[in-house]
Amino acid sequence: MARHSKSERERREEQNKLMTQTEAAWRASVPPATAKAFEASVAAARARGPEPKQPDMAPGTAPRPPRPGHEPKPPKDERPRRSNRD
């Protein structure tokens, strides 16, 4: 657990109080029907939960495919070379 200075804790407490006051003022300014619809959408989003985790990609894999015509070259087949000497 990180330790924070007294001034930082006080600053965070002030920010939390200001945020609470701002939220209360916003809720008071919104019409009741809109506030009810907003609460319903928030409840639905919370019930839905987080999105499923995306599959892991190999390290160094680009997150999107290359542009057409810029695909990487396939690896060369390593075949032993034949010499013309007999």
PDB file of N, CA and C in Angstrom:
ATOM      1  N   MET A   1       0.849  -1.165   0.000  1.00  0.00           N
ATOM      2  CA  MET A   1       0.000   0.000   0.000  1.00  0.00           C
ATOM      3  C   MET A   1       0.902   1.239   0.000  1.00  0.00           C
ATOM      4  N   ALA A   2       0.562   2.203  -0.814  1.00  0.00           N
ATOM      5  CA  ALA A   2       1.366   3.418  -0.912  1.00  0.00           C
ATOM      6  C   ALA A   2       0.997   4.387   0.201  1.00  0.00           C
ATOM      7  N   ARG A   3       2.001   5.091   0.665  1.00  0.00           N
ATOM      8  CA  ARG A   3       1.754   6.113   1.677  1.00  0.00           C
ATOM      9  C   ARG A   3       1.720   7.463   0.980  1.00  0.00           C
ATOM     10  N   HIS A   4       0.769   8.273   1.348  1.00  0.00           N
ATOM     11  CA  HIS A   4       0.625   9.598   0.753  1.00  0.00           C
ATOM     12  C   HIS A   4       0.804  10.650   1.838  1.00  0.00           C
ATOM     13  N   SER A   5       1.302  11.793   1.410  1.00  0.00           N
ATOM     14  CA  SER A   5       1.520  12.874   2.373  1.00  0.00           C
ATOM     15  C   SER A   5       0.184  13.427   2.857  1.00  0.00           C
ATOM     16  N   LYS A   6       0.246  14.114   3.980  1.00  0.00           N
ATOM     17  CA  LYS A   6      -0.968  14.684   4.570  1.00  0.00           C
ATOM     18  C   LYS A   6      -1.610  15.680   3.612  1.00  0.00           C
ATOM     19  N   SER A   7      -0.779  16.499   2.955  1.00  0.00           N
ATOM     20  CA  SER A   7      -1.338  17.493   2.024  1.00  0.00           C
ATOM     21  C   SER A   7      -2.027  16.816   0.843  1.00  0.00           C
ATOM     22  N   GLU A   8      -1.477  15.715   0.375  1.00  0.00           N
ATOM     23  CA  GLU A   8      -2.100  15.008  -0.744  1.00  0.00           C
ATOM     24  C   GLU A   8      -3.426  14.380  -0.320  1.00  0.00           C
ATOM     25  N   ARG A   9      -3.480  13.791   0.869  1.00  0.00           N
ATOM     26  CA  ARG A   9      -4.739  13.230   1.373  1.00  0.00           C
ATOM     27  C   ARG A   9      -5.792  14.314   1.520  1.00  0.00           C
ATOM     28  N   GLU A  10      -5.389  15.481   2.038  1.00  0.00           N
ATOM     29  CA  GLU A  10      -6.339  16.592   2.188  1.00  0.00           C
ATOM     30  C   GLU A  10      -6.830  17.084   0.836  1.00  0.00           C
ATOM     31  N   ARG A  11      -5.915  17.151  -0.138  1.00  0.00           N
ATOM     32  CA  ARG A  11      -6.298  17.588  -1.487  1.00  0.00           C
ATOM     33  C   ARG A  11      -7.309  16.617  -2.084  1.00  0.00           C
ATOM     34  N   ARG A  12      -7.080  15.322  -1.909  1.00  0.00           N
ATOM     35  CA  ARG A  12      -8.018  14.326  -2.429  1.00  0.00           C
ATOM     36  C   ARG A  12      -9.372  14.421  -1.741  1.00  0.00           C
ATOM     37  N   GLU A  13      -9.378  14.653  -0.437  1.00  0.00           N
ATOM     38  CA  GLU A  13     -10.645  14.817   0.278  1.00  0.00           C
ATOM     39  C   GLU A  13     -11.416  16.023  -0.245  1.00  0.00           C
ATOM     40  N   GLU A  14     -10.715  17.123  -0.500  1.00  0.00           N
ATOM     41  CA  GLU A  14     -11.356  18.323  -1.054  1.00  0.00           C
ATOM     42  C   GLU A  14     -11.921  18.037  -2.445  1.00  0.00           C
ATOM     43  N   GLN A  15     -11.167  17.297  -3.254  1.00  0.00           N
ATOM     44  CA  GLN A  15     -11.654  16.955  -4.587  1.00  0.00           C
ATOM     45  C   GLN A  15     -12.908  16.084  -4.499  1.00  0.00           C
ATOM     46  N   ASN A  16     -12.913  15.145  -3.571  1.00  0.00           N
ATOM     47  CA  ASN A  16     -14.086  14.282  -3.406  1.00  0.00           C
ATOM     48  C   ASN A  16     -15.309  15.079  -2.970  1.00  0.00           C
ATOM     49  N   LYS A  17     -15.110  16.028  -2.040  1.00  0.00           N
ATOM     50  CA  LYS A  17     -16.227  16.871  -1.606  1.00  0.00           C
ATOM     51  C   LYS A  17     -16.754  17.704  -2.762  1.00  0.00           C
ATOM     52  N   LEU A  18     -15.854  18.296  -3.541  1.00  0.00           N
ATOM     53  CA  LEU A  18     -16.264  19.119  -4.679  1.00  0.00           C
ATOM     54  C   LEU A  18     -17.015  18.273  -5.706  1.00  0.00           C
ATOM     55  N   MET A  19     -16.538  17.053  -5.936  1.00  0.00           N
ATOM     56  CA  MET A  19     -17.200  16.172  -6.892  1.00  0.00           C
ATOM     57  C   MET A  19     -18.595  15.802  -6.410  1.00  0.00           C
ATOM     58  N   THR A  20     -18.737  15.547  -5.126  1.00  0.00           N
ATOM     59  CA  THR A  20     -20.051  15.225  -4.562  1.00  0.00           C
ATOM     60  C   THR A  20     -21.006  16.400  -4.711  1.00  0.00           C
ATOM     61  N   GLN A  21     -20.517  17.621  -4.442  1.00  0.00           N
ATOM     62  CA  GLN A  21     -21.352  18.815  -4.594  1.00  0.00           C
ATOM     63  C   GLN A  21     -21.742  19.020  -6.053  1.00  0.00           C
ATOM     64  N   THR A  22     -20.809  18.812  -6.967  1.00  0.00           N
ATOM     65  CA  THR A  22     -21.094  18.981  -8.399  1.00  0.00           C
ATOM     66  C   THR A  22     -22.133  17.969  -8.854  1.00  0.00           C
ATOM     67  N   GLU A  23     -21.996  16.725  -8.403  1.00  0.00           N
ATOM     68  CA  GLU A  23     -22.960  15.692  -8.780  1.00  0.00           C
ATOM     69  C   GLU A  23     -24.345  16.012  -8.228  1.00  0.00           C
ATOM     70  N   ALA A  24     -24.405  16.491  -6.987  1.00  0.00           N
ATOM     71  CA  ALA A  24     -25.698  16.837  -6.397  1.00  0.00           C
ATOM     72  C   ALA A  24     -26.354  17.989  -7.165  1.00  0.00           C
ATOM     73  N   ALA A  25     -25.562  18.990  -7.556  1.00  0.00           N
ATOM     74  CA  ALA A  25     -26.103  20.115  -8.324  1.00  0.00           C
ATOM     75  C   ALA A  25     -26.596  19.652  -9.691  1.00  0.00           C
ATOM     76  N   TRP A  26     -25.852  18.737 -10.310  1.00  0.00           N
ATOM     77  CA  TRP A  26     -26.256  18.233 -11.615  1.00  0.00           C
ATOM     78  C   TRP A  26     -27.565  17.458 -11.496  1.00  0.00           C
ATOM     79  N   ARG A  27     -27.656  16.586 -10.482  1.00  0.00           N
ATOM     80  CA  ARG A  27     -28.881  15.805 -10.294  1.00  0.00           C
ATOM     81  C   ARG A  27     -30.089  16.710 -10.040  1.00  0.00           C
ATOM     82  N   ALA A  28     -29.884  17.813  -9.343  1.00  0.00           N
ATOM     83  CA  ALA A  28     -30.986  18.737  -9.072  1.00  0.00           C
ATOM     84  C   ALA A  28     -31.423  19.472 -10.338  1.00  0.00           C
ATOM     85  N   SER A  29     -30.501  19.661 -11.285  1.00  0.00           N
ATOM     86  CA  SER A  29     -30.832  20.419 -12.490  1.00  0.00           C
ATOM     87  C   SER A  29     -31.474  19.556 -13.582  1.00  0.00           C
ATOM     88  N   VAL A  30     -31.374  18.246 -13.463  1.00  0.00           N
ATOM     89  CA  VAL A  30     -31.919  17.347 -14.486  1.00  0.00           C
ATOM     90  C   VAL A  30     -33.389  17.063 -14.186  1.00  0.00           C
ATOM     91  N   PRO A  31     -34.238  17.050 -15.224  1.00  0.00           N
ATOM     92  CA  PRO A  31     -35.644  16.714 -15.002  1.00  0.00           C
ATOM     93  C   PRO A  31     -35.789  15.298 -14.436  1.00  0.00           C
ATOM     94  N   PRO A  32     -36.808  15.058 -13.616  1.00  0.00           N
ATOM     95  CA  PRO A  32     -36.958  13.740 -12.973  1.00  0.00           C
ATOM     96  C   PRO A  32     -37.046  12.574 -13.958  1.00  0.00           C
ATOM     97  N   ALA A  33     -37.726  12.755 -15.080  1.00  0.00           N
ATOM     98  CA  ALA A  33     -37.852  11.663 -16.049  1.00  0.00           C
ATOM     99  C   ALA A  33     -36.480  11.314 -16.637  1.00  0.00           C
ATOM    100  N   THR A  34     -35.688  12.335 -16.941  1.00  0.00           N
ATOM    101  CA  THR A  34     -34.347  12.109 -17.488  1.00  0.00           C
ATOM    102  C   THR A  34     -33.455  11.439 -16.450  1.00  0.00           C
ATOM    103  N   ALA A  35     -33.557  11.885 -15.201  1.00  0.00           N
ATOM    104  CA  ALA A  35     -32.751  11.289 -14.132  1.00  0.00           C
ATOM    105  C   ALA A  35     -33.112   9.823 -13.932  1.00  0.00           C
ATOM    106  N   LYS A  36     -34.403   9.496 -14.020  1.00  0.00           N
ATOM    107  CA  LYS A  36     -34.844   8.115 -13.844  1.00  0.00           C
ATOM    108  C   LYS A  36     -34.325   7.241 -14.989  1.00  0.00           C
ATOM    109  N   ALA A  37     -34.384   7.765 -16.216  1.00  0.00           N
ATOM    110  CA  ALA A  37     -33.864   7.017 -17.369  1.00  0.00           C
ATOM    111  C   ALA A  37     -32.351   6.816 -17.242  1.00  0.00           C
ATOM    112  N   PHE A  38     -31.659   7.840 -16.752  1.00  0.00           N
ATOM    113  CA  PHE A  38     -30.208   7.736 -16.563  1.00  0.00           C
ATOM    114  C   PHE A  38     -29.880   6.676 -15.515  1.00  0.00           C
ATOM    115  N   GLU A  39     -30.602   6.681 -14.409  1.00  0.00           N
ATOM    116  CA  GLU A  39     -30.375   5.688 -13.353  1.00  0.00           C
ATOM    117  C   GLU A  39     -30.618   4.277 -13.881  1.00  0.00           C
ATOM    118  N   ALA A  40     -31.653   4.122 -14.715  1.00  0.00           N
ATOM    119  CA  ALA A  40     -31.943   2.803 -15.282  1.00  0.00           C
ATOM    120  C   ALA A  40     -30.821   2.349 -16.206  1.00  0.00           C
ATOM    121  N   SER A  41     -30.277   3.259 -17.010  1.00  0.00           N
ATOM    122  CA  SER A  41     -29.188   2.881 -17.912  1.00  0.00           C
ATOM    123  C   SER A  41     -27.916   2.549 -17.138  1.00  0.00           C
ATOM    124  N   VAL A  42     -27.665   3.275 -16.050  1.00  0.00           N
ATOM    125  CA  VAL A  42     -26.498   2.982 -15.210  1.00  0.00           C
ATOM    126  C   VAL A  42     -26.658   1.610 -14.553  1.00  0.00           C
ATOM    127  N   ALA A  43     -27.846   1.309 -14.050  1.00  0.00           N
ATOM    128  CA  ALA A  43     -28.084   0.010 -13.423  1.00  0.00           C
ATOM    129  C   ALA A  43     -27.916  -1.122 -14.432  1.00  0.00           C
ATOM    130  N   ALA A  44     -28.398  -0.917 -15.670  1.00  0.00           N
ATOM    131  CA  ALA A  44     -28.257  -1.945 -16.701  1.00  0.00           C
ATOM    132  C   ALA A  44     -26.777  -2.164 -17.045  1.00  0.00           C
ATOM    133  N   ALA A  45     -26.011  -1.080 -17.126  1.00  0.00           N
ATOM    134  CA  ALA A  45     -24.583  -1.203 -17.447  1.00  0.00           C
ATOM    135  C   ALA A  45     -23.834  -1.924 -16.325  1.00  0.00           C
ATOM    136  N   ARG A  46     -24.170  -1.627 -15.091  1.00  0.00           N
ATOM    137  CA  ARG A  46     -23.508  -2.297 -13.960  1.00  0.00           C
ATOM    138  C   ARG A  46     -23.887  -3.774 -13.896  1.00  0.00           C
ATOM    139  N   ALA A  47     -25.139  -4.098 -14.230  1.00  0.00           N
ATOM    140  CA  ALA A  47     -25.568  -5.493 -14.220  1.00  0.00           C
ATOM    141  C   ALA A  47     -24.896  -6.278 -15.348  1.00  0.00           C
ATOM    142  N   ARG A  48     -24.609  -5.606 -16.435  1.00  0.00           N
ATOM    143  CA  ARG A  48     -23.970  -6.259 -17.577  1.00  0.00           C
ATOM    144  C   ARG A  48     -22.546  -6.685 -17.229  1.00  0.00           C
ATOM    145  N   GLY A  49     -21.859  -5.904 -16.441  1.00  0.00           N
ATOM    146  CA  GLY A  49     -20.508  -6.256 -16.021  1.00  0.00           C
ATOM    147  C   GLY A  49     -19.471  -5.861 -17.061  1.00  0.00           C
ATOM    148  N   PRO A  50     -18.233  -6.194 -16.781  1.00  0.00           N
ATOM    149  CA  PRO A  50     -17.159  -5.817 -17.706  1.00  0.00           C
ATOM    150  C   PRO A  50     -17.194  -6.662 -18.976  1.00  0.00           C
ATOM    151  N   GLU A  51     -16.605  -6.123 -20.029  1.00  0.00           N
ATOM    152  CA  GLU A  51     -16.528  -6.860 -21.282  1.00  0.00           C
ATOM    153  C   GLU A  51     -15.557  -8.021 -21.121  1.00  0.00           C
ATOM    154  N   PRO A  52     -15.767  -9.109 -21.867  1.00  0.00           N
ATOM    155  CA  PRO A  52     -14.833 -10.231 -21.758  1.00  0.00           C
ATOM    156  C   PRO A  52     -13.450  -9.825 -22.266  1.00  0.00           C
ATOM    157  N   LYS A  53     -12.436 -10.439 -21.684  1.00  0.00           N
ATOM    158  CA  LYS A  53     -11.060 -10.119 -22.042  1.00  0.00           C
ATOM    159  C   LYS A  53     -10.765 -10.571 -23.467  1.00  0.00           C
ATOM    160  N   GLN A  54     -10.074  -9.743 -24.198  1.00  0.00           N
ATOM    161  CA  GLN A  54      -9.696 -10.087 -25.561  1.00  0.00           C
ATOM    162  C   GLN A  54      -8.620 -11.165 -25.521  1.00  0.00           C
ATOM    163  N   PRO A  55      -8.539 -12.011 -26.560  1.00  0.00           N
ATOM    164  CA  PRO A  55      -7.508 -13.058 -26.561  1.00  0.00           C
ATOM    165  C   PRO A  55      -6.121 -12.437 -26.604  1.00  0.00           C
ATOM    166  N   ASP A  56      -5.199 -13.087 -25.914  1.00  0.00           N
ATOM    167  CA  ASP A  56      -3.833 -12.604 -25.902  1.00  0.00           C
ATOM    168  C   ASP A  56      -3.203 -12.808 -27.267  1.00  0.00           C
ATOM    169  N   MET A  57      -2.359 -11.877 -27.634  1.00  0.00           N
ATOM    170  CA  MET A  57      -1.653 -11.979 -28.904  1.00  0.00           C
ATOM    171  C   MET A  57      -0.196 -12.260 -28.620  1.00  0.00           C
ATOM    172  N   ALA A  58       0.470 -12.848 -29.578  1.00  0.00           N
ATOM    173  CA  ALA A  58       1.891 -13.145 -29.420  1.00  0.00           C
ATOM    174  C   ALA A  58       2.663 -11.846 -29.238  1.00  0.00           C
ATOM    175  N   PRO A  59       3.750 -11.869 -28.462  1.00  0.00           N
ATOM    176  CA  PRO A  59       4.540 -10.645 -28.277  1.00  0.00           C
ATOM    177  C   PRO A  59       5.043 -10.108 -29.609  1.00  0.00           C
ATOM    178  N   GLY A  60       4.926  -8.827 -29.780  1.00  0.00           N
ATOM    179  CA  GLY A  60       5.394  -8.192 -31.008  1.00  0.00           C
ATOM    180  C   GLY A  60       4.406  -8.237 -32.149  1.00  0.00           C
ATOM    181  N   THR A  61       3.236  -8.815 -31.944  1.00  0.00           N
ATOM    182  CA  THR A  61       2.233  -8.883 -33.000  1.00  0.00           C
ATOM    183  C   THR A  61       1.550  -7.529 -33.125  1.00  0.00           C
ATOM    184  N   ALA A  62       1.419  -7.069 -34.353  1.00  0.00           N
ATOM    185  CA  ALA A  62       0.744  -5.794 -34.578  1.00  0.00           C
ATOM    186  C   ALA A  62      -0.733  -5.948 -34.264  1.00  0.00           C
ATOM    187  N   PRO A  63      -1.379  -4.941 -33.675  1.00  0.00           N
ATOM    188  CA  PRO A  63      -2.785  -5.080 -33.313  1.00  0.00           C
ATOM    189  C   PRO A  63      -3.731  -5.020 -34.499  1.00  0.00           C
ATOM    190  N   ARG A  64      -3.249  -4.669 -35.656  1.00  0.00           N
ATOM    191  CA  ARG A  64      -4.121  -4.617 -36.834  1.00  0.00           C
ATOM    192  C   ARG A  64      -3.358  -5.209 -38.025  1.00  0.00           C
ATOM    193  N   PRO A  65      -4.075  -5.737 -39.008  1.00  0.00           N
ATOM    194  CA  PRO A  65      -3.387  -6.369 -40.134  1.00  0.00           C
ATOM    195  C   PRO A  65      -2.669  -5.337 -40.995  1.00  0.00           C
ATOM    196  N   PRO A  66      -1.675  -5.782 -41.762  1.00  0.00           N
ATOM    197  CA  PRO A  66      -0.964  -4.838 -42.624  1.00  0.00           C
ATOM    198  C   PRO A  66      -1.853  -4.353 -43.766  1.00  0.00           C
ATOM    199  N   ARG A  67      -1.474  -3.229 -44.334  1.00  0.00           N
ATOM    200  CA  ARG A  67      -2.230  -2.693 -45.467  1.00  0.00           C
ATOM    201  C   ARG A  67      -2.069  -3.612 -46.673  1.00  0.00           C
ATOM    202  N   PRO A  68      -3.042  -3.619 -47.568  1.00  0.00           N
ATOM    203  CA  PRO A  68      -2.909  -4.462 -48.766  1.00  0.00           C
ATOM    204  C   PRO A  68      -1.655  -4.083 -49.542  1.00  0.00           C
ATOM    205  N   GLY A  69      -0.911  -5.089 -49.950  1.00  0.00           N
ATOM    206  CA  GLY A  69       0.334  -4.858 -50.680  1.00  0.00           C
ATOM    207  C   GLY A  69       1.536  -4.697 -49.768  1.00  0.00           C
ATOM    208  N   HIS A  70       1.335  -4.652 -48.447  1.00  0.00           N
ATOM    209  CA  HIS A  70       2.431  -4.490 -47.505  1.00  0.00           C
ATOM    210  C   HIS A  70       2.537  -5.697 -46.570  1.00  0.00           C
ATOM    211  N   GLU A  71       2.064  -6.847 -47.028  1.00  0.00           N
ATOM    212  CA  GLU A  71       2.110  -8.037 -46.193  1.00  0.00           C
ATOM    213  C   GLU A  71       3.565  -8.472 -46.017  1.00  0.00           C
ATOM    214  N   PRO A  72       3.882  -9.097 -44.883  1.00  0.00           N
ATOM    215  CA  PRO A  72       5.258  -9.576 -44.711  1.00  0.00           C
ATOM    216  C   PRO A  72       5.555 -10.735 -45.653  1.00  0.00           C
ATOM    217  N   LYS A  73       6.824 -10.840 -46.040  1.00  0.00           N
ATOM    218  CA  LYS A  73       7.212 -11.917 -46.946  1.00  0.00           C
ATOM    219  C   LYS A  73       7.196 -13.244 -46.189  1.00  0.00           C
ATOM    220  N   PRO A  74       6.784 -14.311 -46.865  1.00  0.00           N
ATOM    221  CA  PRO A  74       6.811 -15.620 -46.188  1.00  0.00           C
ATOM    222  C   PRO A  74       8.256 -16.055 -45.987  1.00  0.00           C
ATOM    223  N   PRO A  75       8.538 -16.866 -44.973  1.00  0.00           N
ATOM    224  CA  PRO A  75       9.913 -17.308 -44.763  1.00  0.00           C
ATOM    225  C   PRO A  75      10.381 -18.197 -45.909  1.00  0.00           C
ATOM    226  N   LYS A  76      11.669 -18.080 -46.242  1.00  0.00           N
ATOM    227  CA  LYS A  76      12.223 -18.875 -47.343  1.00  0.00           C
ATOM    228  C   LYS A  76      12.435 -20.313 -46.869  1.00  0.00           C
ATOM    229  N   ASP A  77      12.252 -21.240 -47.790  1.00  0.00           N
ATOM    230  CA  ASP A  77      12.546 -22.641 -47.493  1.00  0.00           C
ATOM    231  C   ASP A  77      14.052 -22.811 -47.551  1.00  0.00           C
ATOM    232  N   GLU A  78      14.622 -23.359 -46.520  1.00  0.00           N
ATOM    233  CA  GLU A  78      16.060 -23.578 -46.470  1.00  0.00           C
ATOM    234  C   GLU A  78      16.364 -24.946 -47.077  1.00  0.00           C
ATOM    235  N   ARG A  79      16.692 -24.939 -48.356  1.00  0.00           N
ATOM    236  CA  ARG A  79      17.067 -26.184 -49.027  1.00  0.00           C
ATOM    237  C   ARG A  79      18.563 -26.151 -49.301  1.00  0.00           C
ATOM    238  N   PRO A  80      19.228 -27.271 -49.167  1.00  0.00           N
ATOM    239  CA  PRO A  80      20.660 -27.253 -49.476  1.00  0.00           C
ATOM    240  C   PRO A  80      20.872 -26.981 -50.954  1.00  0.00           C
ATOM    241  N   ARG A  81      21.851 -26.158 -51.218  1.00  0.00           N
ATOM    242  CA  ARG A  81      22.141 -25.828 -52.630  1.00  0.00           C
ATOM    243  C   ARG A  81      22.984 -26.929 -53.262  1.00  0.00           C
ATOM    244  N   ARG A  82      22.664 -27.202 -54.480  1.00  0.00           N
ATOM    245  CA  ARG A  82      23.418 -28.218 -55.205  1.00  0.00           C
ATOM    246  C   ARG A  82      24.502 -27.534 -56.011  1.00  0.00           C
ATOM    247  N   SER A  83      25.635 -28.077 -55.941  1.00  0.00           N
ATOM    248  CA  SER A  83      26.731 -27.495 -56.742  1.00  0.00           C
ATOM    249  C   SER A  83      26.803 -28.205 -58.083  1.00  0.00           C
ATOM    250  N   ASN A  84      27.366 -27.560 -59.067  1.00  0.00           N
ATOM    251  CA  ASN A  84      27.492 -28.130 -60.401  1.00  0.00           C
ATOM    252  C   ASN A  84      28.790 -28.914 -60.556  1.00  0.00           C
ATOM    253  N   ARG A  85      29.554 -29.029 -59.515  1.00  0.00           N
ATOM    254  CA  ARG A  85      30.822 -29.763 -59.582  1.00  0.00           C
ATOM    255  C   ARG A  85      30.553 -31.258 -59.514  1.00  0.00           C
ATOM    256  N   ASP A  86      31.238 -31.983 -60.356  1.00  0.00           N
ATOM    257  CA  ASP A  86      31.121 -33.436 -60.320  1.00  0.00           C
ATOM    258  C   ASP A  86      32.445 -34.085 -60.073  1.00  0.00           C
TER     259      ASP A  86
END
